[in-house]
Amino acid sequence: MIRGTVTGRLWSSKRIETLPNGALLEVKVGSSTLVAFDPLGCAEGEEVLITQGSVAASYFPEIKAPIDALIIGSVDEN
């Protein structure tokens, strides 16, 4: 898993049919930024956990989702 911070949201007026409902978010991980699919509804500034690769794509068993990075949780701080 990767821990990062949501820095923004990407808007897309055109999407392929196999992309599930959700948002595409920019997430800062160290000195890099990646785009992750968000089925949870996370907000800017929120710390999130991400999984990548085949694990991310296989989260949606009913379709072949073209997803390489998936937000799987939000980090709660005490």
PDB file of N, CA and C in Angstrom:
ATOM      1  N   MET A   1       0.839  -1.184   0.000  1.00  0.00           N
ATOM      2  CA  MET A   1       0.000   0.000   0.000  1.00  0.00           C
ATOM      3  C   MET A   1       0.876   1.236   0.000  1.00  0.00           C
ATOM      4  N   ILE A   2       0.308   2.277  -0.531  1.00  0.00           N
ATOM      5  CA  ILE A   2       0.990   3.564  -0.611  1.00  0.00           C
ATOM      6  C   ILE A   2       0.153   4.583   0.147  1.00  0.00           C
ATOM      7  N   ARG A   3       0.816   5.457   0.901  1.00  0.00           N
ATOM      8  CA  ARG A   3       0.121   6.527   1.620  1.00  0.00           C
ATOM      9  C   ARG A   3       0.411   7.843   0.923  1.00  0.00           C
ATOM     10  N   GLY A   4      -0.635   8.633   0.681  1.00  0.00           N
ATOM     11  CA  GLY A   4      -0.461   9.907   0.015  1.00  0.00           C
ATOM     12  C   GLY A   4      -1.537  10.894   0.435  1.00  0.00           C
ATOM     13  N   THR A   5      -1.447  12.110  -0.119  1.00  0.00           N
ATOM     14  CA  THR A   5      -2.392  13.172   0.195  1.00  0.00           C
ATOM     15  C   THR A   5      -3.058  13.652  -1.086  1.00  0.00           C
ATOM     16  N   VAL A   6      -4.380  13.732  -1.065  1.00  0.00           N
ATOM     17  CA  VAL A   6      -5.138  14.196  -2.229  1.00  0.00           C
ATOM     18  C   VAL A   6      -4.845  15.680  -2.436  1.00  0.00           C
ATOM     19  N   THR A   7      -4.411  16.029  -3.654  1.00  0.00           N
ATOM     20  CA  THR A   7      -4.079  17.423  -3.957  1.00  0.00           C
ATOM     21  C   THR A   7      -5.030  18.049  -4.967  1.00  0.00           C
ATOM     22  N   GLY A   8      -5.832  17.253  -5.613  1.00  0.00           N
ATOM     23  CA  GLY A   8      -6.750  17.825  -6.594  1.00  0.00           C
ATOM     24  C   GLY A   8      -7.622  16.764  -7.238  1.00  0.00           C
ATOM     25  N   ARG A   9      -8.530  17.226  -8.079  1.00  0.00           N
ATOM     26  CA  ARG A   9      -9.488  16.365  -8.765  1.00  0.00           C
ATOM     27  C   ARG A   9      -9.359  16.616 -10.264  1.00  0.00           C
ATOM     28  N   LEU A  10      -9.433  15.542 -11.026  1.00  0.00           N
ATOM     29  CA  LEU A  10      -9.408  15.653 -12.482  1.00  0.00           C
ATOM     30  C   LEU A  10     -10.818  15.498 -13.012  1.00  0.00           C
ATOM     31  N   TRP A  11     -11.180  16.325 -13.967  1.00  0.00           N
ATOM     32  CA  TRP A  11     -12.505  16.253 -14.572  1.00  0.00           C
ATOM     33  C   TRP A  11     -12.374  15.710 -15.981  1.00  0.00           C
ATOM     34  N   SER A  12     -13.277  14.833 -16.349  1.00  0.00           N
ATOM     35  CA  SER A  12     -13.243  14.232 -17.677  1.00  0.00           C
ATOM     36  C   SER A  12     -14.656  14.200 -18.244  1.00  0.00           C
ATOM     37  N   SER A  13     -14.853  14.849 -19.380  1.00  0.00           N
ATOM     38  CA  SER A  13     -16.186  14.843 -19.992  1.00  0.00           C
ATOM     39  C   SER A  13     -16.387  13.607 -20.858  1.00  0.00           C
ATOM     40  N   LYS A  14     -15.308  12.905 -21.181  1.00  0.00           N
ATOM     41  CA  LYS A  14     -15.390  11.694 -21.985  1.00  0.00           C
ATOM     42  C   LYS A  14     -14.669  10.577 -21.242  1.00  0.00           C
ATOM     43  N   ARG A  15     -15.343   9.429 -21.138  1.00  0.00           N
ATOM     44  CA  ARG A  15     -14.774   8.277 -20.445  1.00  0.00           C
ATOM     45  C   ARG A  15     -15.153   7.011 -21.205  1.00  0.00           C
ATOM     46  N   ILE A  16     -14.319   5.991 -21.108  1.00  0.00           N
ATOM     47  CA  ILE A  16     -14.683   4.724 -21.724  1.00  0.00           C
ATOM     48  C   ILE A  16     -15.713   4.022 -20.832  1.00  0.00           C
ATOM     49  N   GLU A  17     -16.489   3.140 -21.433  1.00  0.00           N
ATOM     50  CA  GLU A  17     -17.600   2.507 -20.717  1.00  0.00           C
ATOM     51  C   GLU A  17     -17.168   1.657 -19.534  1.00  0.00           C
ATOM     52  N   THR A  18     -15.982   1.070 -19.588  1.00  0.00           N
ATOM     53  CA  THR A  18     -15.569   0.175 -18.506  1.00  0.00           C
ATOM     54  C   THR A  18     -14.939   0.895 -17.313  1.00  0.00           C
ATOM     55  N   LEU A  19     -14.871   2.220 -17.348  1.00  0.00           N
ATOM     56  CA  LEU A  19     -14.397   2.962 -16.176  1.00  0.00           C
ATOM     57  C   LEU A  19     -15.575   3.125 -15.221  1.00  0.00           C
ATOM     58  N   PRO A  20     -15.498   2.558 -14.019  1.00  0.00           N
ATOM     59  CA  PRO A  20     -16.632   2.602 -13.081  1.00  0.00           C
ATOM     60  C   PRO A  20     -16.943   4.030 -12.620  1.00  0.00           C
ATOM     61  N   ASN A  21     -18.062   4.180 -11.942  1.00  0.00           N
ATOM     62  CA  ASN A  21     -18.412   5.474 -11.361  1.00  0.00           C
ATOM     63  C   ASN A  21     -17.460   5.788 -10.221  1.00  0.00           C
ATOM     64  N   GLY A  22     -16.997   7.013 -10.189  1.00  0.00           N
ATOM     65  CA  GLY A  22     -16.050   7.453  -9.171  1.00  0.00           C
ATOM     66  C   GLY A  22     -15.289   8.645  -9.704  1.00  0.00           C
ATOM     67  N   ALA A  23     -14.315   9.095  -8.965  1.00  0.00           N
ATOM     68  CA  ALA A  23     -13.545  10.280  -9.341  1.00  0.00           C
ATOM     69  C   ALA A  23     -12.095   9.906  -9.616  1.00  0.00           C
ATOM     70  N   LEU A  24     -11.447  10.732 -10.416  1.00  0.00           N
ATOM     71  CA  LEU A  24     -10.009  10.623 -10.630  1.00  0.00           C
ATOM     72  C   LEU A  24      -9.349  11.735  -9.819  1.00  0.00           C
ATOM     73  N   LEU A  25      -8.496  11.334  -8.883  1.00  0.00           N
ATOM     74  CA  LEU A  25      -7.866  12.306  -7.997  1.00  0.00           C
ATOM     75  C   LEU A  25      -6.359  12.331  -8.183  1.00  0.00           C
ATOM     76  N   GLU A  26      -5.784  13.526  -8.061  1.00  0.00           N
ATOM     77  CA  GLU A  26      -4.330  13.659  -8.024  1.00  0.00           C
ATOM     78  C   GLU A  26      -3.906  13.451  -6.575  1.00  0.00           C
ATOM     79  N   VAL A  27      -2.907  12.592  -6.381  1.00  0.00           N
ATOM     80  CA  VAL A  27      -2.434  12.273  -5.030  1.00  0.00           C
ATOM     81  C   VAL A  27      -0.924  12.480  -4.980  1.00  0.00           C
ATOM     82  N   LYS A  28      -0.473  13.268  -4.011  1.00  0.00           N
ATOM     83  CA  LYS A  28       0.954  13.498  -3.820  1.00  0.00           C
ATOM     84  C   LYS A  28       1.520  12.381  -2.958  1.00  0.00           C
ATOM     85  N   VAL A  29       2.526  11.716  -3.496  1.00  0.00           N
ATOM     86  CA  VAL A  29       3.211  10.635  -2.801  1.00  0.00           C
ATOM     87  C   VAL A  29       4.690  10.985  -2.806  1.00  0.00           C
ATOM     88  N   GLY A  30       5.205  11.427  -1.668  1.00  0.00           N
ATOM     89  CA  GLY A  30       6.597  11.884  -1.618  1.00  0.00           C
ATOM     90  C   GLY A  30       6.762  13.087  -2.524  1.00  0.00           C
ATOM     91  N   SER A  31       7.727  13.014  -3.440  1.00  0.00           N
ATOM     92  CA  SER A  31       7.952  14.126  -4.369  1.00  0.00           C
ATOM     93  C   SER A  31       7.234  13.916  -5.698  1.00  0.00           C
ATOM     94  N   SER A  32       6.454  12.843  -5.811  1.00  0.00           N
ATOM     95  CA  SER A  32       5.730  12.525  -7.045  1.00  0.00           C
ATOM     96  C   SER A  32       4.231  12.737  -6.880  1.00  0.00           C
ATOM     97  N   THR A  33       3.560  12.829  -8.014  1.00  0.00           N
ATOM     98  CA  THR A  33       2.107  12.897  -8.035  1.00  0.00           C
ATOM     99  C   THR A  33       1.590  11.792  -8.933  1.00  0.00           C
ATOM    100  N   LEU A  34       0.529  11.101  -8.481  1.00  0.00           N
ATOM    101  CA  LEU A  34      -0.084  10.085  -9.329  1.00  0.00           C
ATOM    102  C   LEU A  34      -1.581  10.326  -9.396  1.00  0.00           C
ATOM    103  N   VAL A  35      -2.209   9.717 -10.381  1.00  0.00           N
ATOM    104  CA  VAL A  35      -3.660   9.798 -10.533  1.00  0.00           C
ATOM    105  C   VAL A  35      -4.229   8.478 -10.033  1.00  0.00           C
ATOM    106  N   ALA A  36      -5.180   8.566  -9.109  1.00  0.00           N
ATOM    107  CA  ALA A  36      -5.790   7.375  -8.530  1.00  0.00           C
ATOM    108  C   ALA A  36      -7.301   7.440  -8.675  1.00  0.00           C
ATOM    109  N   PHE A  37      -7.908   6.295  -8.912  1.00  0.00           N
ATOM    110  CA  PHE A  37      -9.354   6.205  -8.999  1.00  0.00           C
ATOM    111  C   PHE A  37      -9.923   6.156  -7.586  1.00  0.00           C
ATOM    112  N   ASP A  38     -10.971   6.942  -7.333  1.00  0.00           N
ATOM    113  CA  ASP A  38     -11.535   7.061  -5.990  1.00  0.00           C
ATOM    114  C   ASP A  38     -13.011   6.676  -5.971  1.00  0.00           C
ATOM    115  N   PRO A  39     -13.341   5.478  -5.484  1.00  0.00           N
ATOM    116  CA  PRO A  39     -14.742   5.092  -5.356  1.00  0.00           C
ATOM    117  C   PRO A  39     -15.350   5.520  -4.014  1.00  0.00           C
ATOM    118  N   LEU A  40     -14.543   6.145  -3.135  1.00  0.00           N
ATOM    119  CA  LEU A  40     -14.979   6.453  -1.770  1.00  0.00           C
ATOM    120  C   LEU A  40     -15.511   7.868  -1.570  1.00  0.00           C
ATOM    121  N   GLY A  41     -15.132   8.805  -2.425  1.00  0.00           N
ATOM    122  CA  GLY A  41     -15.557  10.191  -2.258  1.00  0.00           C
ATOM    123  C   GLY A  41     -14.635  10.999  -1.373  1.00  0.00           C
ATOM    124  N   CYS A  42     -13.335  10.798  -1.507  1.00  0.00           N
ATOM    125  CA  CYS A  42     -12.347  11.513  -0.690  1.00  0.00           C
ATOM    126  C   CYS A  42     -12.233  12.975  -1.126  1.00  0.00           C
ATOM    127  N   ALA A  43     -11.768  13.812  -0.202  1.00  0.00           N
ATOM    128  CA  ALA A  43     -11.680  15.248  -0.443  1.00  0.00           C
ATOM    129  C   ALA A  43     -10.221  15.703  -0.534  1.00  0.00           C
ATOM    130  N   GLU A  44     -10.035  16.880  -1.097  1.00  0.00           N
ATOM    131  CA  GLU A  44      -8.703  17.477  -1.192  1.00  0.00           C
ATOM    132  C   GLU A  44      -8.136  17.666   0.220  1.00  0.00           C
ATOM    133  N   GLY A  45      -6.851  17.337   0.389  1.00  0.00           N
ATOM    134  CA  GLY A  45      -6.181  17.438   1.678  1.00  0.00           C
ATOM    135  C   GLY A  45      -6.266  16.176   2.516  1.00  0.00           C
ATOM    136  N   GLU A  46      -7.097  15.247   2.113  1.00  0.00           N
ATOM    137  CA  GLU A  46      -7.284  14.003   2.860  1.00  0.00           C
ATOM    138  C   GLU A  46      -6.127  13.041   2.596  1.00  0.00           C
ATOM    139  N   GLU A  47      -5.665  12.379   3.654  1.00  0.00           N
ATOM    140  CA  GLU A  47      -4.640  11.345   3.493  1.00  0.00           C
ATOM    141  C   GLU A  47      -5.324  10.039   3.153  1.00  0.00           C
ATOM    142  N   VAL A  48      -4.780   9.350   2.141  1.00  0.00           N
ATOM    143  CA  VAL A  48      -5.423   8.136   1.643  1.00  0.00           C
ATOM    144  C   VAL A  48      -4.421   7.003   1.500  1.00  0.00           C
ATOM    145  N   LEU A  49      -4.953   5.779   1.421  1.00  0.00           N
ATOM    146  CA  LEU A  49      -4.164   4.588   1.138  1.00  0.00           C
ATOM    147  C   LEU A  49      -4.502   4.139  -0.274  1.00  0.00           C
ATOM    148  N   ILE A  50      -3.476   3.759  -1.027  1.00  0.00           N
ATOM    149  CA  ILE A  50      -3.630   3.402  -2.438  1.00  0.00           C
ATOM    150  C   ILE A  50      -2.998   2.046  -2.687  1.00  0.00           C
ATOM    151  N   THR A  51      -3.637   1.269  -3.547  1.00  0.00           N
ATOM    152  CA  THR A  51      -3.033   0.051  -4.059  1.00  0.00           C
ATOM    153  C   THR A  51      -2.896   0.226  -5.569  1.00  0.00           C
ATOM    154  N   GLN A  52      -1.931  -0.469  -6.161  1.00  0.00           N
ATOM    155  CA  GLN A  52      -1.669  -0.300  -7.586  1.00  0.00           C
ATOM    156  C   GLN A  52      -1.626  -1.639  -8.313  1.00  0.00           C
ATOM    157  N   GLY A  53      -1.665  -1.553  -9.634  1.00  0.00           N
ATOM    158  CA  GLY A  53      -1.484  -2.715 -10.491  1.00  0.00           C
ATOM    159  C   GLY A  53      -2.716  -3.593 -10.601  1.00  0.00           C
ATOM    160  N   SER A  54      -2.481  -4.897 -10.761  1.00  0.00           N
ATOM    161  CA  SER A  54      -3.576  -5.834 -10.991  1.00  0.00           C
ATOM    162  C   SER A  54      -4.536  -5.903  -9.817  1.00  0.00           C
ATOM    163  N   VAL A  55      -4.056  -5.656  -8.612  1.00  0.00           N
ATOM    164  CA  VAL A  55      -4.934  -5.650  -7.442  1.00  0.00           C
ATOM    165  C   VAL A  55      -5.963  -4.527  -7.571  1.00  0.00           C
ATOM    166  N   ALA A  56      -5.533  -3.367  -8.028  1.00  0.00           N
ATOM    167  CA  ALA A  56      -6.451  -2.235  -8.215  1.00  0.00           C
ATOM    168  C   ALA A  56      -7.495  -2.548  -9.273  1.00  0.00           C
ATOM    169  N   ALA A  57      -7.082  -3.084 -10.398  1.00  0.00           N
ATOM    170  CA  ALA A  57      -8.005  -3.385 -11.489  1.00  0.00           C
ATOM    171  C   ALA A  57      -8.967  -4.508 -11.128  1.00  0.00           C
ATOM    172  N   SER A  58      -8.517  -5.493 -10.362  1.00  0.00           N
ATOM    173  CA  SER A  58      -9.356  -6.645 -10.042  1.00  0.00           C
ATOM    174  C   SER A  58     -10.384  -6.356  -8.950  1.00  0.00           C
ATOM    175  N   TYR A  59     -10.352  -5.169  -8.385  1.00  0.00           N
ATOM    176  CA  TYR A  59     -11.350  -4.789  -7.383  1.00  0.00           C
ATOM    177  C   TYR A  59     -12.754  -4.791  -7.987  1.00  0.00           C
ATOM    178  N   PHE A  60     -12.853  -4.601  -9.288  1.00  0.00           N
ATOM    179  CA  PHE A  60     -14.124  -4.556  -9.997  1.00  0.00           C
ATOM    180  C   PHE A  60     -14.274  -5.839 -10.817  1.00  0.00           C
ATOM    181  N   PRO A  61     -14.708  -6.946 -10.207  1.00  0.00           N
ATOM    182  CA  PRO A  61     -14.711  -8.244 -10.885  1.00  0.00           C
ATOM    183  C   PRO A  61     -15.703  -8.360 -12.044  1.00  0.00           C
ATOM    184  N   GLU A  62     -16.748  -7.544 -12.051  1.00  0.00           N
ATOM    185  CA  GLU A  62     -17.760  -7.652 -13.096  1.00  0.00           C
ATOM    186  C   GLU A  62     -17.356  -6.973 -14.411  1.00  0.00           C
ATOM    187  N   ILE A  63     -16.305  -6.153 -14.371  1.00  0.00           N
ATOM    188  CA  ILE A  63     -15.840  -5.464 -15.590  1.00  0.00           C
ATOM    189  C   ILE A  63     -14.316  -5.488 -15.643  1.00  0.00           C
ATOM    190  N   LYS A  64     -13.769  -5.233 -16.814  1.00  0.00           N
ATOM    191  CA  LYS A  64     -12.317  -5.079 -16.955  1.00  0.00           C
ATOM    192  C   LYS A  64     -12.009  -3.586 -16.826  1.00  0.00           C
ATOM    193  N   ALA A  65     -11.813  -3.146 -15.607  1.00  0.00           N
ATOM    194  CA  ALA A  65     -11.590  -1.728 -15.337  1.00  0.00           C
ATOM    195  C   ALA A  65     -10.151  -1.337 -15.666  1.00  0.00           C
ATOM    196  N   PRO A  66      -9.959  -0.276 -16.453  1.00  0.00           N
ATOM    197  CA  PRO A  66      -8.614   0.182 -16.799  1.00  0.00           C
ATOM    198  C   PRO A  66      -8.021   1.062 -15.696  1.00  0.00           C
ATOM    199  N   ILE A  67      -7.806   0.474 -14.533  1.00  0.00           N
ATOM    200  CA  ILE A  67      -7.353   1.234 -13.369  1.00  0.00           C
ATOM    201  C   ILE A  67      -6.006   0.700 -12.905  1.00  0.00           C
ATOM    202  N   ASP A  68      -5.064   1.612 -12.691  1.00  0.00           N
ATOM    203  CA  ASP A  68      -3.738   1.217 -12.222  1.00  0.00           C
ATOM    204  C   ASP A  68      -3.490   1.624 -10.772  1.00  0.00           C
ATOM    205  N   ALA A  69      -4.249   2.607 -10.273  1.00  0.00           N
ATOM    206  CA  ALA A  69      -4.107   3.048  -8.885  1.00  0.00           C
ATOM    207  C   ALA A  69      -5.498   3.262  -8.311  1.00  0.00           C
ATOM    208  N   LEU A  70      -5.759   2.658  -7.142  1.00  0.00           N
ATOM    209  CA  LEU A  70      -7.084   2.688  -6.535  1.00  0.00           C
ATOM    210  C   LEU A  70      -6.984   3.121  -5.077  1.00  0.00           C
ATOM    211  N   ILE A  71      -7.772   4.124  -4.702  1.00  0.00           N
ATOM    212  CA  ILE A  71      -7.830   4.542  -3.302  1.00  0.00           C
ATOM    213  C   ILE A  71      -8.687   3.530  -2.558  1.00  0.00           C
ATOM    214  N   ILE A  72      -8.108   2.912  -1.534  1.00  0.00           N
ATOM    215  CA  ILE A  72      -8.805   1.856  -0.810  1.00  0.00           C
ATOM    216  C   ILE A  72      -9.146   2.249   0.622  1.00  0.00           C
ATOM    217  N   GLY A  73      -8.706   3.423   1.063  1.00  0.00           N
ATOM    218  CA  GLY A  73      -9.016   3.846   2.419  1.00  0.00           C
ATOM    219  C   GLY A  73      -8.608   5.269   2.682  1.00  0.00           C
ATOM    220  N   SER A  74      -9.205   5.842   3.710  1.00  0.00           N
ATOM    221  CA  SER A  74      -8.887   7.178   4.177  1.00  0.00           C
ATOM    222  C   SER A  74      -8.226   7.046   5.549  1.00  0.00           C
ATOM    223  N   VAL A  75      -7.141   7.763   5.763  1.00  0.00           N
ATOM    224  CA  VAL A  75      -6.389   7.659   7.008  1.00  0.00           C
ATOM    225  C   VAL A  75      -6.983   8.619   8.041  1.00  0.00           C
ATOM    226  N   ASP A  76      -7.410   8.063   9.190  1.00  0.00           N
ATOM    227  CA  ASP A  76      -7.925   8.864  10.291  1.00  0.00           C
ATOM    228  C   ASP A  76      -6.808   9.065  11.300  1.00  0.00           C
ATOM    229  N   GLU A  77      -6.571  10.299  11.686  1.00  0.00           N
ATOM    230  CA  GLU A  77      -5.546  10.616  12.674  1.00  0.00           C
ATOM    231  C   GLU A  77      -6.193  10.810  14.034  1.00  0.00           C
ATOM    232  N   ASN A  78      -5.530  10.387  15.072  1.00  0.00           N
ATOM    233  CA  ASN A  78      -6.039  10.576  16.446  1.00  0.00           C
ATOM    234  C   ASN A  78      -5.727  11.945  16.945  1.00  0.00           C
TER     235      ASN A  78
END
